[in-house]
Amino acid sequence: MESPVALDPRDTRGQLRLFVGVRVSVACANQLGSAAEALARRAQQTGVRARWVAPASYHVTLAFLGWARRDAIEAVADAIARATINEAPFGFRAARLGAFPDLEKATVVWAGVEDSGALARIAGALGRELAALGFPADPRPFHPHVTLGRLAQPAAVSGVVLPLAEQVFSDTRVNAVTLYESEMKPGGSEYRSVTEIPLFGPENAAKRQTSPVQPASLDAATGASRAIETDDGWDRDPERRP
């Protein structure tokens, strides 16, 4: 079977840059946004240069696909549906702040996520379903998080993050998994919902439909470069990570 993955990443005409994730609740996004504002003030005071993600773009990534042909969307939506067929709606809580790969040479500042097991289970099932379509497996262990900011160059952020690190934020109720397009623009990446797959649980799985939803623009002032092959800035290649 021909792979839906772009064979030449330099020629992306007619292709979409895709990832799968779950939205963060409005209450949680507002609280995380307030924390990010405090982080930004501390970063400015300590000379740390970072770009901060708009709260409307906060999400938890479950799988990053990268460039794919537009006609692969239906197959990807079906793969998401299979991966979530037995999943009922569930909740998670964002808690604590940190950085990838660590606080002394950070490239990403994040809020952690307390996962009851559902996020990791869906991420694992997605990985298997997407691998069967030809998308490369992610070599990193799953680490659920919400990206708050990105640094163009690795820097120590202990003085920025640690004074605010032990915060707990509002819960999020997850009723659907979303396939996103990430469009890279000069001012940052713009996320659009391509398809939402509702979670019904095993008893009501027959209700599932994978119809497209109206795209919703989420402006993310990320400044991510085309060389970073994730939506959240966390490099998926272990040989390139610090």
C-alpha atoms as a PDB file:
ATOM      1  CA  MET A   1       0.000   0.000   0.000  1.00  0.00           C
ATOM      2  CA  GLU A   2       1.267   3.436  -0.890  1.00  0.00           C
ATOM      3  CA  SER A   3       2.163   5.451   2.176  1.00  0.00           C
ATOM      4  CA  PRO A   4       0.181   8.645   2.877  1.00  0.00           C
ATOM      5  CA  VAL A   5       3.389  10.252   4.102  1.00  0.00           C
ATOM      6  CA  ALA A   6       5.028  12.782   1.796  1.00  0.00           C
ATOM      7  CA  LEU A   7       7.962  11.126   0.066  1.00  0.00           C
ATOM      8  CA  ASP A   8       9.783  14.415  -0.449  1.00  0.00           C
ATOM      9  CA  PRO A   9       9.376  16.836   2.495  1.00  0.00           C
ATOM     10  CA  ARG A  10      10.791  19.639   0.330  1.00  0.00           C
ATOM     11  CA  ASP A  11       7.789  19.441  -1.996  1.00  0.00           C
ATOM     12  CA  THR A  12       4.669  19.843   0.144  1.00  0.00           C
ATOM     13  CA  ARG A  13       2.259  21.043  -2.533  1.00  0.00           C
ATOM     14  CA  GLY A  14      -1.200  19.582  -2.020  1.00  0.00           C
ATOM     15  CA  GLN A  15      -0.212  18.290   1.417  1.00  0.00           C
ATOM     16  CA  LEU A  16      -1.213  19.104   4.975  1.00  0.00           C
ATOM     17  CA  ARG A  17       0.898  19.120   8.129  1.00  0.00           C
ATOM     18  CA  LEU A  18      -1.195  17.119  10.593  1.00  0.00           C
ATOM     19  CA  PHE A  19      -1.296  16.178  14.253  1.00  0.00           C
ATOM     20  CA  VAL A  20      -3.850  14.629  16.609  1.00  0.00           C
ATOM     21  CA  GLY A  21      -4.698  16.172  19.953  1.00  0.00           C
ATOM     22  CA  VAL A  22      -7.321  17.059  22.546  1.00  0.00           C
ATOM     23  CA  ARG A  23      -8.435  20.551  23.430  1.00  0.00           C
ATOM     24  CA  VAL A  24      -7.860  22.158  26.817  1.00  0.00           C
ATOM     25  CA  SER A  25     -10.943  23.518  28.582  1.00  0.00           C
ATOM     26  CA  VAL A  26     -11.571  27.265  28.537  1.00  0.00           C
ATOM     27  CA  ALA A  27     -11.141  27.509  32.304  1.00  0.00           C
ATOM     28  CA  CYS A  28      -7.847  25.626  32.182  1.00  0.00           C
ATOM     29  CA  ALA A  29      -6.622  27.651  29.193  1.00  0.00           C
ATOM     30  CA  ASN A  30      -7.376  30.903  31.004  1.00  0.00           C
ATOM     31  CA  GLN A  31      -5.440  29.773  34.088  1.00  0.00           C
ATOM     32  CA  LEU A  32      -2.536  28.515  31.994  1.00  0.00           C
ATOM     33  CA  GLY A  33      -2.553  31.810  30.113  1.00  0.00           C
ATOM     34  CA  SER A  34      -2.198  33.703  33.399  1.00  0.00           C
ATOM     35  CA  ALA A  35       0.696  31.453  34.380  1.00  0.00           C
ATOM     36  CA  ALA A  36       2.327  32.043  30.985  1.00  0.00           C
ATOM     37  CA  GLU A  37       2.028  35.803  31.469  1.00  0.00           C
ATOM     38  CA  ALA A  38       3.859  35.489  34.784  1.00  0.00           C
ATOM     39  CA  LEU A  39       6.505  33.307  33.125  1.00  0.00           C
ATOM     40  CA  ALA A  40       6.899  35.868  30.344  1.00  0.00           C
ATOM     41  CA  ARG A  41       7.507  38.665  32.856  1.00  0.00           C
ATOM     42  CA  ARG A  42      10.144  36.611  34.658  1.00  0.00           C
ATOM     43  CA  ALA A  43      11.737  35.639  31.347  1.00  0.00           C
ATOM     44  CA  GLN A  44      12.000  39.275  30.325  1.00  0.00           C
ATOM     45  CA  GLN A  45      13.545  40.183  33.679  1.00  0.00           C
ATOM     46  CA  THR A  46      16.148  37.423  33.387  1.00  0.00           C
ATOM     47  CA  GLY A  47      16.964  37.953  29.708  1.00  0.00           C
ATOM     48  CA  VAL A  48      15.399  34.702  28.480  1.00  0.00           C
ATOM     49  CA  ARG A  49      13.930  35.123  25.000  1.00  0.00           C
ATOM     50  CA  ALA A  50      10.851  33.008  24.311  1.00  0.00           C
ATOM     51  CA  ARG A  51       7.713  33.017  22.203  1.00  0.00           C
ATOM     52  CA  TRP A  52       4.536  32.320  24.152  1.00  0.00           C
ATOM     53  CA  VAL A  53       1.663  30.301  22.717  1.00  0.00           C
ATOM     54  CA  ALA A  54      -1.768  31.940  22.606  1.00  0.00           C
ATOM     55  CA  PRO A  55      -4.187  30.340  25.110  1.00  0.00           C
ATOM     56  CA  ALA A  56      -6.658  29.589  22.284  1.00  0.00           C
ATOM     57  CA  SER A  57      -4.074  27.146  20.900  1.00  0.00           C
ATOM     58  CA  TYR A  58      -3.468  25.158  24.090  1.00  0.00           C
ATOM     59  CA  HIS A  59      -3.897  21.426  23.570  1.00  0.00           C
ATOM     60  CA  VAL A  60      -2.371  18.058  24.440  1.00  0.00           C
ATOM     61  CA  THR A  61      -0.743  16.329  21.466  1.00  0.00           C
ATOM     62  CA  LEU A  62      -1.499  12.619  21.100  1.00  0.00           C
ATOM     63  CA  ALA A  63       0.273  11.962  17.790  1.00  0.00           C
ATOM     64  CA  PHE A  64       2.226  14.025  15.293  1.00  0.00           C
ATOM     65  CA  LEU A  65       1.872  12.905  11.682  1.00  0.00           C
ATOM     66  CA  GLY A  66       3.822  15.544   9.778  1.00  0.00           C
ATOM     67  CA  TRP A  67       3.234  16.120   6.065  1.00  0.00           C
ATOM     68  CA  ALA A  68       0.546  13.982   4.437  1.00  0.00           C
ATOM     69  CA  ARG A  69      -1.470  14.054   1.241  1.00  0.00           C
ATOM     70  CA  ARG A  70      -4.858  15.747   1.471  1.00  0.00           C
ATOM     71  CA  ASP A  71      -6.568  12.576   0.285  1.00  0.00           C
ATOM     72  CA  ALA A  72      -5.187  10.732   3.339  1.00  0.00           C
ATOM     73  CA  ILE A  73      -7.516  12.594   5.715  1.00  0.00           C
ATOM     74  CA  GLU A  74     -10.344  10.050   5.496  1.00  0.00           C
ATOM     75  CA  ALA A  75      -7.965   7.167   6.219  1.00  0.00           C
ATOM     76  CA  VAL A  76      -6.437   9.064   9.148  1.00  0.00           C
ATOM     77  CA  ALA A  77      -9.898   9.874  10.557  1.00  0.00           C
ATOM     78  CA  ASP A  78     -10.809   6.186  10.337  1.00  0.00           C
ATOM     79  CA  ALA A  79      -7.556   5.303  12.131  1.00  0.00           C
ATOM     80  CA  ILE A  80      -8.422   7.724  14.948  1.00  0.00           C
ATOM     81  CA  ALA A  81     -11.898   6.209  15.167  1.00  0.00           C
ATOM     82  CA  ARG A  82     -10.430   2.709  15.484  1.00  0.00           C
ATOM     83  CA  ALA A  83      -7.940   3.865  18.121  1.00  0.00           C
ATOM     84  CA  THR A  84     -10.706   5.403  20.238  1.00  0.00           C
ATOM     85  CA  ILE A  85     -13.527   2.937  19.557  1.00  0.00           C
ATOM     86  CA  ASN A  86     -13.804   1.823  23.206  1.00  0.00           C
ATOM     87  CA  GLU A  87     -12.965   5.146  24.839  1.00  0.00           C
ATOM     88  CA  ALA A  88     -15.615   6.999  26.822  1.00  0.00           C
ATOM     89  CA  PRO A  89     -15.327  10.711  27.679  1.00  0.00           C
ATOM     90  CA  PHE A  90     -12.765  11.308  30.412  1.00  0.00           C
ATOM     91  CA  GLY A  91     -11.018  14.104  32.260  1.00  0.00           C
ATOM     92  CA  PHE A  92      -7.511  15.271  33.035  1.00  0.00           C
ATOM     93  CA  ARG A  93      -5.904  18.036  35.060  1.00  0.00           C
ATOM     94  CA  ALA A  94      -2.995  20.274  34.126  1.00  0.00           C
ATOM     95  CA  ALA A  95      -0.499  20.608  36.973  1.00  0.00           C
ATOM     96  CA  ARG A  96       3.053  21.862  37.474  1.00  0.00           C
ATOM     97  CA  LEU A  97       5.384  23.615  35.062  1.00  0.00           C
ATOM     98  CA  GLY A  98       8.578  22.334  33.488  1.00  0.00           C
ATOM     99  CA  ALA A  99      10.742  22.384  30.367  1.00  0.00           C
ATOM    100  CA  PHE A 100      12.097  20.096  27.646  1.00  0.00           C
ATOM    101  CA  PRO A 101      14.663  18.664  27.592  1.00  0.00           C
ATOM    102  CA  ASP A 102      15.388  20.089  31.064  1.00  0.00           C
ATOM    103  CA  LEU A 103      15.473  23.386  32.943  1.00  0.00           C
ATOM    104  CA  GLU A 104      19.149  24.063  32.186  1.00  0.00           C
ATOM    105  CA  LYS A 105      18.957  23.847  28.382  1.00  0.00           C
ATOM    106  CA  ALA A 106      15.295  24.356  27.673  1.00  0.00           C
ATOM    107  CA  THR A 107      13.702  24.734  24.252  1.00  0.00           C
ATOM    108  CA  VAL A 108      10.075  24.269  25.360  1.00  0.00           C
ATOM    109  CA  VAL A 109       8.271  25.428  28.504  1.00  0.00           C
ATOM    110  CA  TRP A 110       5.225  23.324  29.354  1.00  0.00           C
ATOM    111  CA  ALA A 111       2.478  22.593  31.841  1.00  0.00           C
ATOM    112  CA  GLY A 112       2.296  18.966  32.870  1.00  0.00           C
ATOM    113  CA  VAL A 113      -0.833  16.835  32.639  1.00  0.00           C
ATOM    114  CA  GLU A 114      -2.042  14.340  35.248  1.00  0.00           C
ATOM    115  CA  ASP A 115      -3.195  11.407  33.109  1.00  0.00           C
ATOM    116  CA  SER A 116      -5.462   8.739  34.562  1.00  0.00           C
ATOM    117  CA  GLY A 117      -4.315   6.449  31.757  1.00  0.00           C
ATOM    118  CA  ALA A 118      -6.733   7.382  28.980  1.00  0.00           C
ATOM    119  CA  LEU A 119      -4.391   9.808  27.194  1.00  0.00           C
ATOM    120  CA  ALA A 120      -1.507   7.316  27.168  1.00  0.00           C
ATOM    121  CA  ARG A 121      -3.807   4.503  26.072  1.00  0.00           C
ATOM    122  CA  ILE A 122      -5.191   6.529  23.154  1.00  0.00           C
ATOM    123  CA  ALA A 123      -1.715   7.738  22.185  1.00  0.00           C
ATOM    124  CA  GLY A 124      -0.471   4.136  22.091  1.00  0.00           C
ATOM    125  CA  ALA A 125      -3.413   2.948  20.012  1.00  0.00           C
ATOM    126  CA  LEU A 126      -3.004   5.902  17.649  1.00  0.00           C
ATOM    127  CA  GLY A 127       0.655   5.093  17.166  1.00  0.00           C
ATOM    128  CA  ARG A 128      -0.177   1.558  16.096  1.00  0.00           C
ATOM    129  CA  GLU A 129      -3.024   2.570  13.779  1.00  0.00           C
ATOM    130  CA  LEU A 130      -1.025   5.351  12.130  1.00  0.00           C
ATOM    131  CA  ALA A 131       2.034   3.121  11.708  1.00  0.00           C
ATOM    132  CA  ALA A 132      -0.171   0.730   9.740  1.00  0.00           C
ATOM    133  CA  LEU A 133      -0.905   3.614   7.346  1.00  0.00           C
ATOM    134  CA  GLY A 134       2.788   4.313   6.870  1.00  0.00           C
ATOM    135  CA  PHE A 135       3.352   7.177   9.307  1.00  0.00           C
ATOM    136  CA  PRO A 136       6.622   6.858  11.244  1.00  0.00           C
ATOM    137  CA  ALA A 137       6.433   5.808  14.880  1.00  0.00           C
ATOM    138  CA  ASP A 138       7.402   8.404  17.470  1.00  0.00           C
ATOM    139  CA  PRO A 139      10.595   7.217  19.264  1.00  0.00           C
ATOM    140  CA  ARG A 140       9.884   9.282  22.385  1.00  0.00           C
ATOM    141  CA  PRO A 141       7.979   8.049  25.423  1.00  0.00           C
ATOM    142  CA  PHE A 142       4.566   9.670  25.670  1.00  0.00           C
ATOM    143  CA  HIS A 143       4.703  12.719  27.944  1.00  0.00           C
ATOM    144  CA  PRO A 144       1.338  14.509  28.014  1.00  0.00           C
ATOM    145  CA  HIS A 145       1.779  18.265  28.336  1.00  0.00           C
ATOM    146  CA  VAL A 146       0.538  21.635  27.172  1.00  0.00           C
ATOM    147  CA  THR A 147       3.168  23.748  25.429  1.00  0.00           C
ATOM    148  CA  LEU A 148       3.230  27.282  26.844  1.00  0.00           C
ATOM    149  CA  GLY A 149       6.319  28.725  25.180  1.00  0.00           C
ATOM    150  CA  ARG A 150       9.260  27.987  22.922  1.00  0.00           C
ATOM    151  CA  LEU A 151      12.841  29.220  22.931  1.00  0.00           C
ATOM    152  CA  ALA A 152      14.670  29.796  19.668  1.00  0.00           C
ATOM    153  CA  GLN A 153      17.943  28.826  21.368  1.00  0.00           C
ATOM    154  CA  PRO A 154      18.391  26.473  24.355  1.00  0.00           C
ATOM    155  CA  ALA A 155      18.671  28.407  27.606  1.00  0.00           C
ATOM    156  CA  ALA A 156      18.537  27.903  31.367  1.00  0.00           C
ATOM    157  CA  VAL A 157      15.044  28.659  32.653  1.00  0.00           C
ATOM    158  CA  SER A 158      15.292  27.536  36.276  1.00  0.00           C
ATOM    159  CA  GLY A 159      14.900  31.104  37.505  1.00  0.00           C
ATOM    160  CA  VAL A 160      11.858  31.556  35.293  1.00  0.00           C
ATOM    161  CA  VAL A 161      10.004  28.304  35.964  1.00  0.00           C
ATOM    162  CA  LEU A 162      10.872  27.057  39.457  1.00  0.00           C
ATOM    163  CA  PRO A 163       9.251  29.891  41.462  1.00  0.00           C
ATOM    164  CA  LEU A 164       5.951  29.120  39.693  1.00  0.00           C
ATOM    165  CA  ALA A 165       6.362  25.393  39.121  1.00  0.00           C
ATOM    166  CA  GLU A 166       3.976  23.860  41.679  1.00  0.00           C
ATOM    167  CA  GLN A 167       0.717  25.205  40.315  1.00  0.00           C
ATOM    168  CA  VAL A 168      -2.436  23.160  39.757  1.00  0.00           C
ATOM    169  CA  PHE A 169      -4.960  24.184  37.125  1.00  0.00           C
ATOM    170  CA  SER A 170      -8.581  23.431  36.236  1.00  0.00           C
ATOM    171  CA  ASP A 171      -9.804  20.095  34.936  1.00  0.00           C
ATOM    172  CA  THR A 172     -10.558  19.403  31.276  1.00  0.00           C
ATOM    173  CA  ARG A 173     -13.358  17.132  30.101  1.00  0.00           C
ATOM    174  CA  VAL A 174     -12.456  15.307  26.877  1.00  0.00           C
ATOM    175  CA  ASN A 175     -15.433  14.396  24.685  1.00  0.00           C
ATOM    176  CA  ALA A 176     -13.618  14.142  21.346  1.00  0.00           C
ATOM    177  CA  VAL A 177     -10.220  13.711  19.724  1.00  0.00           C
ATOM    178  CA  THR A 178      -9.290  16.253  17.058  1.00  0.00           C
ATOM    179  CA  LEU A 179      -7.270  15.944  13.863  1.00  0.00           C
ATOM    180  CA  TYR A 180      -5.529  19.298  13.338  1.00  0.00           C
ATOM    181  CA  GLU A 181      -3.797  20.938  10.431  1.00  0.00           C
ATOM    182  CA  SER A 182      -0.777  23.033  11.411  1.00  0.00           C
ATOM    183  CA  GLU A 183      -0.106  25.717   8.812  1.00  0.00           C
ATOM    184  CA  MET A 184       3.290  27.376   9.206  1.00  0.00           C
ATOM    185  CA  LYS A 185       3.265  31.119   8.586  1.00  0.00           C
ATOM    186  CA  PRO A 186       5.859  33.865   9.057  1.00  0.00           C
ATOM    187  CA  GLY A 187       4.202  35.013  12.284  1.00  0.00           C
ATOM    188  CA  GLY A 188       3.846  31.507  13.689  1.00  0.00           C
ATOM    189  CA  SER A 189       1.773  28.378  13.195  1.00  0.00           C
ATOM    190  CA  GLU A 190      -1.987  28.426  12.741  1.00  0.00           C
ATOM    191  CA  TYR A 191      -3.946  25.377  13.876  1.00  0.00           C
ATOM    192  CA  ARG A 192      -7.216  24.344  12.233  1.00  0.00           C
ATOM    193  CA  SER A 193      -9.561  21.563  13.227  1.00  0.00           C
ATOM    194  CA  VAL A 194      -9.953  19.166  10.288  1.00  0.00           C
ATOM    195  CA  THR A 195     -12.104  16.450  11.888  1.00  0.00           C
ATOM    196  CA  GLU A 196     -13.345  15.676  15.375  1.00  0.00           C
ATOM    197  CA  ILE A 197     -13.912  12.078  16.478  1.00  0.00           C
ATOM    198  CA  PRO A 198     -16.413  11.893  19.379  1.00  0.00           C
ATOM    199  CA  LEU A 199     -15.838   9.536  22.297  1.00  0.00           C
ATOM    200  CA  PHE A 200     -18.885   7.396  23.036  1.00  0.00           C
ATOM    201  CA  GLY A 201     -17.522   4.392  24.935  1.00  0.00           C
ATOM    202  CA  PRO A 202     -17.912   0.729  23.944  1.00  0.00           C
ATOM    203  CA  GLU A 203     -21.662   0.643  24.638  1.00  0.00           C
ATOM    204  CA  ASN A 204     -22.419   3.396  22.117  1.00  0.00           C
ATOM    205  CA  ALA A 205     -19.639   2.901  19.575  1.00  0.00           C
ATOM    206  CA  ALA A 206     -22.190   2.421  16.785  1.00  0.00           C
ATOM    207  CA  LYS A 207     -23.068   6.116  17.068  1.00  0.00           C
ATOM    208  CA  ARG A 208     -19.613   7.153  15.935  1.00  0.00           C
ATOM    209  CA  GLN A 209     -19.293   9.244  12.808  1.00  0.00           C
ATOM    210  CA  THR A 210     -16.125  10.775  11.393  1.00  0.00           C
ATOM    211  CA  SER A 211     -17.679  13.667   9.519  1.00  0.00           C
ATOM    212  CA  PRO A 212     -15.563  16.802   9.077  1.00  0.00           C
ATOM    213  CA  VAL A 213     -16.250  19.814  11.276  1.00  0.00           C
ATOM    214  CA  GLN A 214     -16.041  23.470  10.344  1.00  0.00           C
ATOM    215  CA  PRO A 215     -12.370  24.490  10.520  1.00  0.00           C
ATOM    216  CA  ALA A 216     -11.615  26.790  13.443  1.00  0.00           C
ATOM    217  CA  SER A 217      -8.573  29.028  13.274  1.00  0.00           C
ATOM    218  CA  LEU A 218      -6.351  28.937  16.356  1.00  0.00           C
ATOM    219  CA  ASP A 219      -3.533  31.467  16.126  1.00  0.00           C
ATOM    220  CA  ALA A 220      -0.375  30.150  17.789  1.00  0.00           C
ATOM    221  CA  ALA A 221       2.490  32.639  17.955  1.00  0.00           C
ATOM    222  CA  THR A 222       5.065  29.899  17.958  1.00  0.00           C
ATOM    223  CA  GLY A 223       7.746  30.933  15.513  1.00  0.00           C
ATOM    224  CA  ALA A 224       8.467  27.243  15.019  1.00  0.00           C
ATOM    225  CA  SER A 225      10.824  26.514  12.148  1.00  0.00           C
ATOM    226  CA  ARG A 226      10.094  23.995   9.414  1.00  0.00           C
ATOM    227  CA  ALA A 227      12.986  21.895  10.701  1.00  0.00           C
ATOM    228  CA  ILE A 228      11.153  21.132  13.974  1.00  0.00           C
ATOM    229  CA  GLU A 229       8.941  18.206  13.078  1.00  0.00           C
ATOM    230  CA  THR A 230       6.354  18.461  15.846  1.00  0.00           C
ATOM    231  CA  ASP A 231       3.448  20.764  16.524  1.00  0.00           C
ATOM    232  CA  ASP A 232       4.674  21.404  20.078  1.00  0.00           C
ATOM    233  CA  GLY A 233       8.359  22.052  19.401  1.00  0.00           C
ATOM    234  CA  TRP A 234       9.619  18.937  21.208  1.00  0.00           C
ATOM    235  CA  ASP A 235      12.033  17.324  18.755  1.00  0.00           C
ATOM    236  CA  ARG A 236      10.934  13.770  17.963  1.00  0.00           C
ATOM    237  CA  ASP A 237      14.377  12.622  16.775  1.00  0.00           C
ATOM    238  CA  PRO A 238      16.432  11.421  19.781  1.00  0.00           C
ATOM    239  CA  GLU A 239      19.656  11.947  17.825  1.00  0.00           C
ATOM    240  CA  ARG A 240      18.856  15.680  17.455  1.00  0.00           C
ATOM    241  CA  ARG A 241      17.743  16.271  21.027  1.00  0.00           C
ATOM    242  CA  PRO A 242      20.290  17.805  23.432  1.00  0.00           C
END
